């Protein structure tokens, strides 16, 4: 009746569909079902434009990427007649009312659709029912990295796309334009990596409970910048190793100087190794940088052990000499260096270094020096200077142990060979 018709018009609970929904006849179809339900699988084309690679984390073994993800499929339920518009474009509000592919990112940790100033979603429908669905997404996904060659490594990562609910019997994912379906921004750059290549590939994934699924791969290779690690790790390690060699040229009797230098270089190498390990994941295998730093640490450690051997052998040698002199003269004597340490005077002969007569001779020299004239003192000083000049070379040779002599040649030679082998192997 007319009264019922009037009441229906006045009913505020009935929301009239929008003009666009009327044109697409959304109310006439059940969009909970995929297009062509019960028939052949619906093909869904994909293309991707990578906007940026935001970060690469070695500790978390993941990467973060921002991209434009576009879907192409045909849904005849959305076809419409239009003589004016070649297509109709909508925002994200229509997405909840129609069927869209349920593509997700395999091995993703976090992802979100950008929503400034509104959700970055675009839906374009063509009169024949073809649909373009575009999203701007930032996703963080796992990258299974191998650090055995770190920091001289190249990492191969991939972002994988797959339908969550529809297996290959219902939905067929494919790259819309083959290898050209993946494009990148020309200005993409990373602080620690060179981006060597981007490529697209496809495959199948099997799940025991649900079957086979089409999977698409976005593959990219990252080669690490080496110069940063040369400045922060390799070059300081080289300097510490070369600094440890300075002890080979220091007098073997200068115990504080040589021990302090050795301990300082050992502690510095430990600090460098700790700093490198702190910025890396705790992996159970040896990295290339570990090999270099541990070998460098071994060279520094061996330089300390070398002086320990020199000092020990020197002590044994002096004891033997003292015993021989004691047996020969019935008393112990000391060498030129020890005598010079006692009285500050250089002694040319072994007789002048006799330990028992040492104090008497010093007293006699004092008495003579006091009683002598100024000319005699000047003459004595001149002779002593000439004697020292003629025997400086002999004193240095006597204080230079044979182990130090060989170490000056062996340590640098072996370290150069190691560096040549290391860089030739990993580069």
Protein backbone atom coordinates (compact mmCIF):
# COMPACT_ATOMS: atom_id res chain seq x y z
CA UNK A 1 0.00 0.00 0.00
CA UNK A 2 0.98 3.66 -0.28
CA UNK A 3 1.38 3.87 3.50
CA UNK A 4 3.95 1.02 3.62
CA UNK A 5 5.90 2.53 0.75
CA UNK A 6 6.01 5.87 2.57
CA UNK A 7 7.20 4.20 5.77
CA UNK A 8 10.03 2.46 3.92
CA UNK A 9 11.21 5.78 2.53
CA UNK A 10 11.21 7.32 6.01
CA UNK A 11 13.06 4.35 7.60
CA UNK A 12 16.47 5.81 8.65
CA UNK A 13 18.02 2.39 9.33
CA UNK A 14 18.12 1.60 5.64
CA UNK A 15 21.34 3.04 4.13
CA UNK A 16 21.10 3.66 0.46
CA UNK A 17 24.10 2.40 -1.52
CA UNK A 18 26.43 4.91 -3.10
CA UNK A 19 26.24 5.67 -6.77
CA UNK A 20 29.51 3.86 -7.37
CA UNK A 21 28.22 0.76 -5.57
CA UNK A 22 25.05 0.91 -7.61
CA UNK A 23 27.11 1.12 -10.78
CA UNK A 24 29.28 -1.87 -9.74
CA UNK A 25 26.19 -3.82 -8.50
CA UNK A 26 27.96 -4.74 -5.25
CA UNK A 27 24.67 -5.50 -3.54
CA UNK A 28 23.85 -8.15 -6.16
CA UNK A 29 26.84 -10.45 -5.52
CA UNK A 30 28.46 -12.36 -2.71
CA UNK A 31 32.07 -11.13 -2.64
CA UNK A 32 33.03 -13.55 0.11
CA UNK A 33 33.69 -16.01 -2.72
CA UNK A 34 36.52 -15.63 -5.17
CA UNK A 35 35.79 -14.85 -8.82
CA UNK A 36 34.89 -17.99 -10.76
CA UNK A 37 34.37 -20.01 -7.59
CA UNK A 38 34.22 -23.74 -8.33
CA UNK A 39 36.00 -23.37 -11.66
CA UNK A 40 39.61 -22.97 -12.73
CA UNK A 41 41.99 -21.03 -10.49
CA UNK A 42 41.87 -17.26 -10.86
CA UNK A 43 45.13 -15.77 -12.20
CA UNK A 44 46.45 -12.84 -10.15
CA UNK A 45 49.33 -10.89 -11.67
CA UNK A 46 51.82 -9.09 -9.45
CA UNK A 47 54.29 -6.32 -10.08
CA UNK A 48 56.44 -4.52 -7.53
CA UNK A 49 58.28 -1.23 -7.45
CA UNK A 50 60.88 -1.03 -4.67
CA UNK A 51 61.00 2.47 -3.25
CA UNK A 52 63.79 1.97 -0.72
CA UNK A 53 65.71 -0.52 1.37
CA UNK A 54 65.60 1.17 4.73
CA UNK A 55 67.95 -0.97 6.81
CA UNK A 56 69.92 -4.20 7.00
CA UNK A 57 70.46 -5.67 10.47
CA UNK A 58 73.14 -8.31 10.97
CA UNK A 59 72.26 -8.79 14.63
CA UNK A 60 68.56 -9.48 13.92
CA UNK A 61 69.31 -11.00 10.50
CA UNK A 62 66.54 -9.09 8.74
CA UNK A 63 65.97 -6.23 6.31
CA UNK A 64 63.33 -3.51 5.97
CA UNK A 65 61.95 -2.55 2.56
CA UNK A 66 59.35 -0.05 1.36
CA UNK A 67 57.58 -0.98 -1.87
CA UNK A 68 54.53 -0.51 -4.06
CA UNK A 69 52.68 -3.82 -4.40
CA UNK A 70 50.22 -4.03 -7.29
CA UNK A 71 47.71 -6.84 -8.01
CA UNK A 72 45.94 -7.49 -11.31
CA UNK A 73 42.96 -9.80 -11.74
CA UNK A 74 39.57 -9.95 -13.44
CA UNK A 75 36.27 -10.06 -11.59
CA UNK A 76 33.31 -10.02 -13.97
CA UNK A 77 31.02 -9.18 -11.07
CA UNK A 78 32.54 -5.67 -11.06
CA UNK A 79 32.05 -5.02 -14.79
CA UNK A 80 29.93 -2.00 -15.67
CA UNK A 81 28.66 -0.07 -18.67
CA UNK A 82 30.19 3.31 -19.27
CA UNK A 83 30.55 5.43 -22.36
CA UNK A 84 32.47 8.22 -20.63
CA UNK A 85 34.90 6.61 -18.16
CA UNK A 86 37.55 4.14 -19.21
CA UNK A 87 37.99 3.18 -15.57
CA UNK A 88 36.86 4.07 -12.08
CA UNK A 89 39.34 4.75 -9.25
CA UNK A 90 38.53 4.30 -5.56
CA UNK A 91 40.37 4.55 -2.24
CA UNK A 92 40.57 1.98 0.54
CA UNK A 93 36.96 2.30 1.69
CA UNK A 94 35.68 0.02 -1.07
CA UNK A 95 38.21 -2.75 -0.31
CA UNK A 96 36.16 -4.15 2.57
CA UNK A 97 33.13 -4.71 0.31
CA UNK A 98 34.70 -6.66 -2.57
CA UNK A 99 37.00 -9.65 -2.98
CA UNK A 100 40.75 -8.97 -3.06
CA UNK A 101 43.69 -11.45 -3.10
CA UNK A 102 45.02 -12.37 0.35
CA UNK A 103 48.71 -12.02 -0.46
CA UNK A 104 51.08 -12.01 2.51
CA UNK A 105 54.86 -11.86 3.00
CA UNK A 106 56.48 -15.12 4.00
CA UNK A 107 59.02 -14.86 6.89
CA UNK A 108 57.94 -11.28 7.60
CA UNK A 109 58.40 -9.93 11.13
CA UNK A 110 56.61 -6.61 10.85
CA UNK A 111 54.69 -4.86 8.08
CA UNK A 112 52.22 -2.03 7.72
CA UNK A 113 50.35 -0.06 5.08
CA UNK A 114 51.20 3.63 5.11
CA UNK A 115 48.30 5.78 6.25
CA UNK A 116 49.47 9.38 5.90
CA UNK A 117 47.43 11.39 5.15
CA UNK A 118 45.02 8.56 4.35
CA UNK A 119 45.63 4.85 3.75
CA UNK A 120 47.91 4.44 0.74
CA UNK A 121 45.52 2.12 -1.09
CA UNK A 122 44.25 2.49 -4.62
CA UNK A 123 41.59 0.42 -6.42
CA UNK A 124 40.95 0.89 -10.12
CA UNK A 125 38.14 -0.97 -11.87
CA UNK A 126 37.75 -1.20 -15.67
CA UNK A 127 34.43 -1.67 -17.51
CA UNK A 128 35.30 -5.26 -18.50
CA UNK A 129 35.88 -6.24 -14.85
CA UNK A 130 39.69 -6.00 -14.77
CA UNK A 131 40.95 -4.70 -11.43
CA UNK A 132 44.15 -2.98 -10.33
CA UNK A 133 44.77 -3.02 -6.59
CA UNK A 134 47.84 -1.07 -5.35
CA UNK A 135 49.34 -0.75 -1.84
CA UNK A 136 52.31 1.13 -0.39
CA UNK A 137 53.83 -1.15 2.24
CA UNK A 138 56.84 -1.23 4.53
CA UNK A 139 57.84 -4.76 5.51
CA UNK A 140 60.61 -6.23 7.68
CA UNK A 141 61.48 -9.80 6.75
CA UNK A 142 64.08 -12.38 7.63
CA UNK A 143 67.25 -12.75 5.61
CA UNK A 144 69.23 -15.91 6.25
CA UNK A 145 72.76 -14.50 6.28
CA UNK A 146 76.07 -16.34 6.18
CA UNK A 147 78.86 -14.48 8.00
CA UNK A 148 81.68 -16.95 7.34
CA UNK A 149 83.31 -14.36 5.02
CA UNK A 150 82.36 -11.26 7.05
CA UNK A 151 83.20 -8.43 6.34
CA UNK A 152 84.23 -9.57 2.87
CA UNK A 153 80.85 -11.17 2.30
CA UNK A 154 77.97 -10.92 -0.16
CA UNK A 155 74.47 -11.53 1.21
CA UNK A 156 71.59 -12.88 -0.87
CA UNK A 157 68.17 -11.94 0.52
CA UNK A 158 64.66 -12.42 -0.80
CA UNK A 159 61.17 -11.17 -0.06
CA UNK A 160 58.57 -13.88 -0.70
CA UNK A 161 54.89 -13.38 -1.58
CA UNK A 162 52.20 -16.02 -1.31
CA UNK A 163 48.44 -16.41 -0.91
CA UNK A 164 47.48 -17.35 2.62
CA UNK A 165 44.14 -19.12 2.04
CA UNK A 166 44.01 -20.09 -1.63
CA UNK A 167 46.25 -22.86 -2.89
CA UNK A 168 47.11 -23.45 -6.54
CA UNK A 169 43.66 -24.99 -7.19
CA UNK A 170 41.98 -21.65 -6.44
CA UNK A 171 44.53 -18.92 -7.12
CA UNK A 172 47.54 -18.69 -9.42
CA UNK A 173 50.09 -16.01 -8.58
CA UNK A 174 52.44 -14.93 -11.38
CA UNK A 175 54.64 -11.99 -12.32
CA UNK A 176 52.53 -9.72 -14.52
CA UNK A 177 55.31 -8.67 -16.91
CA UNK A 178 57.89 -11.42 -16.35
CA UNK A 179 61.33 -10.14 -15.31
CA UNK A 180 60.19 -6.57 -15.95
CA UNK A 181 57.60 -6.86 -13.19
CA UNK A 182 60.23 -5.83 -10.63
CA UNK A 183 61.49 -2.24 -10.81
CA UNK A 184 63.57 -0.17 -8.41
CA UNK A 185 64.20 3.46 -7.68
CA UNK A 186 67.44 4.68 -9.25
CA UNK A 187 68.52 6.44 -6.05
CA UNK A 188 68.43 3.41 -3.75
CA UNK A 189 71.64 3.26 -1.69
CA UNK A 190 72.82 1.80 1.60
CA UNK A 191 75.55 2.94 3.95
CA UNK A 192 77.22 -0.47 4.33
CA UNK A 193 76.28 -2.31 1.13
CA UNK A 194 76.40 -2.13 -2.64
CA UNK A 195 73.17 -3.38 -4.22
CA UNK A 196 74.47 -5.63 -6.98
CA UNK A 197 71.22 -6.90 -8.54
CA UNK A 198 67.46 -7.26 -8.26
CA UNK A 199 65.65 -10.17 -9.86
CA UNK A 200 62.20 -11.78 -9.81
CA UNK A 201 61.53 -15.51 -9.70
CA UNK A 202 58.66 -17.86 -8.87
CA UNK A 203 58.16 -21.33 -7.41
CA UNK A 204 55.89 -23.57 -5.37
CA UNK A 205 55.60 -24.07 -1.63
CA UNK A 206 54.14 -27.21 -0.08
CA UNK A 207 52.33 -27.48 3.25
CA UNK A 208 51.39 -30.94 4.44
CA UNK A 209 47.92 -29.93 5.65
CA UNK A 210 46.79 -27.55 2.88
CA UNK A 211 48.70 -28.44 -0.29
CA UNK A 212 50.73 -26.53 -2.87
CA UNK A 213 50.85 -22.74 -3.15
CA UNK A 214 52.31 -20.41 -5.75
CA UNK A 215 55.13 -18.30 -4.36
CA UNK A 216 56.87 -15.26 -5.87
CA UNK A 217 60.40 -14.14 -4.93
CA UNK A 218 62.02 -10.70 -4.94
CA UNK A 219 65.74 -11.52 -4.90
CA UNK A 220 68.55 -9.02 -4.34
CA UNK A 221 72.28 -9.36 -3.65
CA UNK A 222 74.16 -7.08 -1.25
CA UNK A 223 77.94 -6.71 -1.25
CA UNK A 224 79.42 -5.13 1.87
CA UNK A 225 81.60 -2.02 1.85
CA UNK A 226 85.04 -3.08 3.09
CA UNK A 227 86.64 0.36 3.64
CA UNK A 228 84.80 1.00 6.93
CA UNK A 229 86.10 -2.25 8.45
CA UNK A 230 89.61 -1.59 7.14
CA UNK A 231 89.67 1.68 9.09
CA UNK A 232 87.95 0.34 12.22
CA UNK A 233 89.39 -3.18 12.57
CA UNK A 234 92.08 -4.25 10.12
CA UNK A 235 94.30 -1.16 10.14
CA UNK A 236 94.39 -0.82 13.98
CA UNK A 237 95.18 -4.54 14.26
CA UNK A 238 98.09 -4.13 11.82
CA UNK A 239 99.46 -1.20 13.81
CA UNK A 240 99.27 -3.13 17.08
CA UNK A 241 101.17 -6.06 15.59
CA UNK A 242 103.89 -3.77 14.20
CA UNK A 243 104.05 -1.89 17.52
CA UNK A 244 104.72 -5.17 19.33
CA UNK A 245 107.82 -5.63 17.14
CA UNK A 246 109.40 -2.48 18.62
CA UNK A 247 110.34 -4.51 21.70
CA UNK A 248 112.81 -6.50 19.57
CA UNK A 249 114.97 -3.35 19.26
CA UNK A 250 114.83 -2.46 22.97
CA UNK A 251 117.67 -3.56 25.25
CA UNK A 252 116.92 -6.98 26.67
CA UNK A 253 117.76 -5.72 30.17
CA UNK A 254 115.06 -3.00 29.98
CA UNK A 255 112.46 -5.27 31.55
CA UNK A 256 109.82 -2.60 32.42
CA UNK A 257 109.88 -1.10 28.92
CA UNK A 258 109.50 -4.38 27.06
CA UNK A 259 106.91 -5.90 29.41
CA UNK A 260 104.79 -2.72 29.43
CA UNK A 261 104.82 -2.52 25.64
CA UNK A 262 103.83 -6.17 25.30
CA UNK A 263 100.95 -5.97 27.80
CA UNK A 264 99.65 -2.73 26.22
CA UNK A 265 99.49 -4.22 22.74
CA UNK A 266 97.80 -7.39 24.04
CA UNK A 267 95.09 -5.39 25.83
CA UNK A 268 94.53 -3.15 22.81
CA UNK A 269 94.05 -6.16 20.56
CA UNK A 270 91.54 -7.57 23.04
CA UNK A 271 89.59 -4.29 22.91
CA UNK A 272 89.47 -4.34 19.10
CA UNK A 273 88.22 -7.93 19.07
CA UNK A 274 85.55 -7.19 21.68
CA UNK A 275 84.29 -4.20 19.71
CA UNK A 276 83.90 -6.22 16.51
CA UNK A 277 82.10 -9.08 18.30
CA UNK A 278 79.65 -6.72 20.03
CA UNK A 279 78.19 -5.55 16.70
CA UNK A 280 77.71 -9.06 15.31
CA UNK A 281 75.28 -11.90 16.03
CA UNK A 282 76.59 -14.71 18.23
CA UNK A 283 77.15 -17.30 15.51
CA UNK A 284 78.73 -20.68 16.16
CA UNK A 285 81.21 -20.58 13.27
CA UNK A 286 84.37 -18.58 12.61
CA UNK A 287 84.13 -15.39 10.55
CA UNK A 288 86.84 -14.04 8.27
CA UNK A 289 87.45 -11.06 10.55
CA UNK A 290 87.87 -13.46 13.49
CA UNK A 291 90.62 -15.28 11.63
CA UNK A 292 92.51 -12.05 10.99
CA UNK A 293 92.11 -10.63 14.49
CA UNK A 294 93.00 -13.88 16.25
CA UNK A 295 96.12 -14.37 14.12
CA UNK A 296 97.11 -10.76 14.82
CA UNK A 297 96.48 -11.35 18.52
CA UNK A 298 98.68 -14.45 18.32
CA UNK A 299 101.55 -12.40 16.83
CA UNK A 300 101.26 -9.84 19.64
CA UNK A 301 101.10 -12.59 22.24
CA UNK A 302 104.15 -14.34 20.77
CA UNK A 303 106.16 -11.12 20.97
CA UNK A 304 105.56 -11.14 24.75
CA UNK A 305 106.50 -14.82 24.96
CA UNK A 306 109.61 -14.05 22.88
CA UNK A 307 110.84 -11.59 25.49
CA UNK A 308 110.08 -14.05 28.27
CA UNK A 309 112.32 -16.56 26.51
CA UNK A 310 115.05 -13.95 25.96
CA UNK A 311 114.99 -12.88 29.60
CA UNK A 312 115.04 -16.47 30.86
CA UNK A 313 117.95 -17.53 28.62
CA UNK A 314 119.88 -14.37 29.50
CA UNK A 315 119.53 -15.13 33.21
CA UNK A 316 120.76 -18.69 32.72
CA UNK A 317 123.70 -17.49 30.64
CA UNK A 318 124.77 -14.92 33.25
CA UNK A 319 124.62 -17.50 36.01
CA UNK A 320 126.90 -19.83 34.05
CA UNK A 321 129.39 -17.02 33.43
CA UNK A 322 129.41 -16.07 37.10
CA UNK A 323 130.05 -19.69 38.09
CA UNK A 324 132.94 -19.99 35.61
CA UNK A 325 134.56 -16.78 36.83
CA UNK A 326 134.06 -17.79 40.45
CA UNK A 327 135.77 -21.12 39.89
CA UNK A 328 138.65 -19.52 38.00
CA UNK A 329 139.41 -16.76 40.52
CA UNK A 330 137.81 -18.22 43.63
CA UNK A 331 135.27 -15.41 43.76
CA UNK A 332 132.40 -14.09 41.66
CA UNK A 333 132.68 -11.24 39.20
CA UNK A 334 130.23 -9.22 37.14
CA UNK A 335 130.21 -8.19 33.51
CA UNK A 336 130.68 -4.72 32.04
CA UNK A 337 127.04 -3.78 31.93
CA UNK A 338 126.41 -4.76 35.56
CA UNK A 339 129.53 -2.95 36.68
CA UNK A 340 128.48 0.16 34.80
CA UNK A 341 125.10 -0.08 36.55
CA UNK A 342 126.90 -0.09 39.96
CA UNK A 343 129.42 2.72 39.60
CA UNK A 344 128.41 4.45 36.37
CA UNK A 345 131.85 3.71 34.87
CA UNK A 346 132.73 1.58 31.88
CA UNK A 347 135.20 -1.29 32.49
CA UNK A 348 137.24 -2.73 29.67
CA UNK A 349 138.79 -5.80 31.30
CA UNK A 350 137.51 -8.66 33.38
CA UNK A 351 140.13 -7.92 36.01
CA UNK A 352 138.64 -4.48 36.48
CA UNK A 353 135.25 -6.12 37.18
CA UNK A 354 136.33 -8.37 40.07
CA UNK A 355 133.53 -8.28 42.63
CA UNK A 356 135.68 -8.48 45.80
CA UNK A 357 138.06 -5.75 44.76
CA UNK A 358 135.25 -3.65 43.27
CA UNK A 359 134.66 -1.41 46.30
CA UNK A 360 138.41 -0.94 47.03
CA UNK A 361 139.10 0.18 43.51
CA UNK A 362 136.25 2.65 43.64
CA UNK A 363 137.75 4.15 46.86
CA UNK A 364 141.21 4.36 45.32
CA UNK A 365 139.79 6.06 42.27
CA UNK A 366 138.04 8.58 44.53
CA UNK A 367 141.27 9.37 46.42
CA UNK A 368 143.24 9.79 43.23
CA UNK A 369 140.55 11.95 41.70
CA UNK A 370 140.59 14.32 44.69
CA UNK A 371 144.37 14.53 44.76
CA UNK A 372 144.79 14.88 41.02
CA UNK A 373 145.10 18.24 39.30
CA UNK A 374 142.56 19.72 36.88
CA UNK A 375 144.67 18.68 33.91
CA UNK A 376 144.78 15.05 35.07
CA UNK A 377 140.95 15.00 35.43
CA UNK A 378 140.50 16.35 31.90
CA UNK A 379 142.90 13.75 30.55
CA UNK A 380 141.03 10.92 32.31
CA UNK A 381 137.65 12.09 30.95
CA UNK A 382 139.01 12.29 27.42
CA UNK A 383 140.39 8.76 27.57
CA UNK A 384 137.11 7.40 28.99
CA UNK A 385 135.07 9.03 26.21
CA UNK A 386 137.34 7.51 23.58
CA UNK A 387 137.09 4.14 25.25
CA UNK A 388 133.29 4.31 25.32
CA UNK A 389 133.07 5.34 21.66
CA UNK A 390 135.20 2.43 20.62
CA UNK A 391 133.19 -0.09 22.60
CA UNK A 392 129.57 1.09 22.15
CA UNK A 393 129.10 -1.27 19.23
CA UNK A 394 130.51 -4.17 21.24
CA UNK A 395 128.20 -3.37 24.18
CA UNK A 396 125.12 -3.26 21.94
CA UNK A 397 126.00 -6.56 20.32
CA UNK A 398 126.56 -8.15 23.71
CA UNK A 399 123.17 -6.94 24.96
CA UNK A 400 121.37 -8.15 21.83
CA UNK A 401 120.23 -11.72 22.26
CA UNK A 402 120.25 -14.02 19.23
CA UNK A 403 116.48 -14.61 19.57
CA UNK A 404 115.84 -10.87 19.16
CA UNK A 405 117.99 -10.86 16.03
CA UNK A 406 116.00 -13.64 14.40
CA UNK A 407 112.67 -12.24 15.61
CA UNK A 408 113.29 -8.95 13.75
CA UNK A 409 113.28 -10.91 10.51
CA UNK A 410 110.94 -13.83 11.16
CA UNK A 411 107.97 -11.97 12.68
CA UNK A 412 107.54 -9.36 9.88
CA UNK A 413 108.17 -11.95 7.15
CA UNK A 414 105.57 -14.40 8.45
CA UNK A 415 103.01 -11.61 9.01
CA UNK A 416 103.45 -10.35 5.44
CA UNK A 417 102.96 -13.88 4.09
CA UNK A 418 99.83 -14.26 6.23
CA UNK A 419 98.35 -10.99 4.92
CA UNK A 420 99.09 -11.96 1.35
CA UNK A 421 97.40 -15.34 1.81
CA UNK A 422 94.42 -13.91 3.73
CA UNK A 423 93.50 -11.17 1.25
CA UNK A 424 94.10 -13.48 -1.68
CA UNK A 425 91.77 -16.08 -0.20
CA UNK A 426 88.82 -13.84 0.76
CA UNK A 427 88.83 -11.19 -1.96
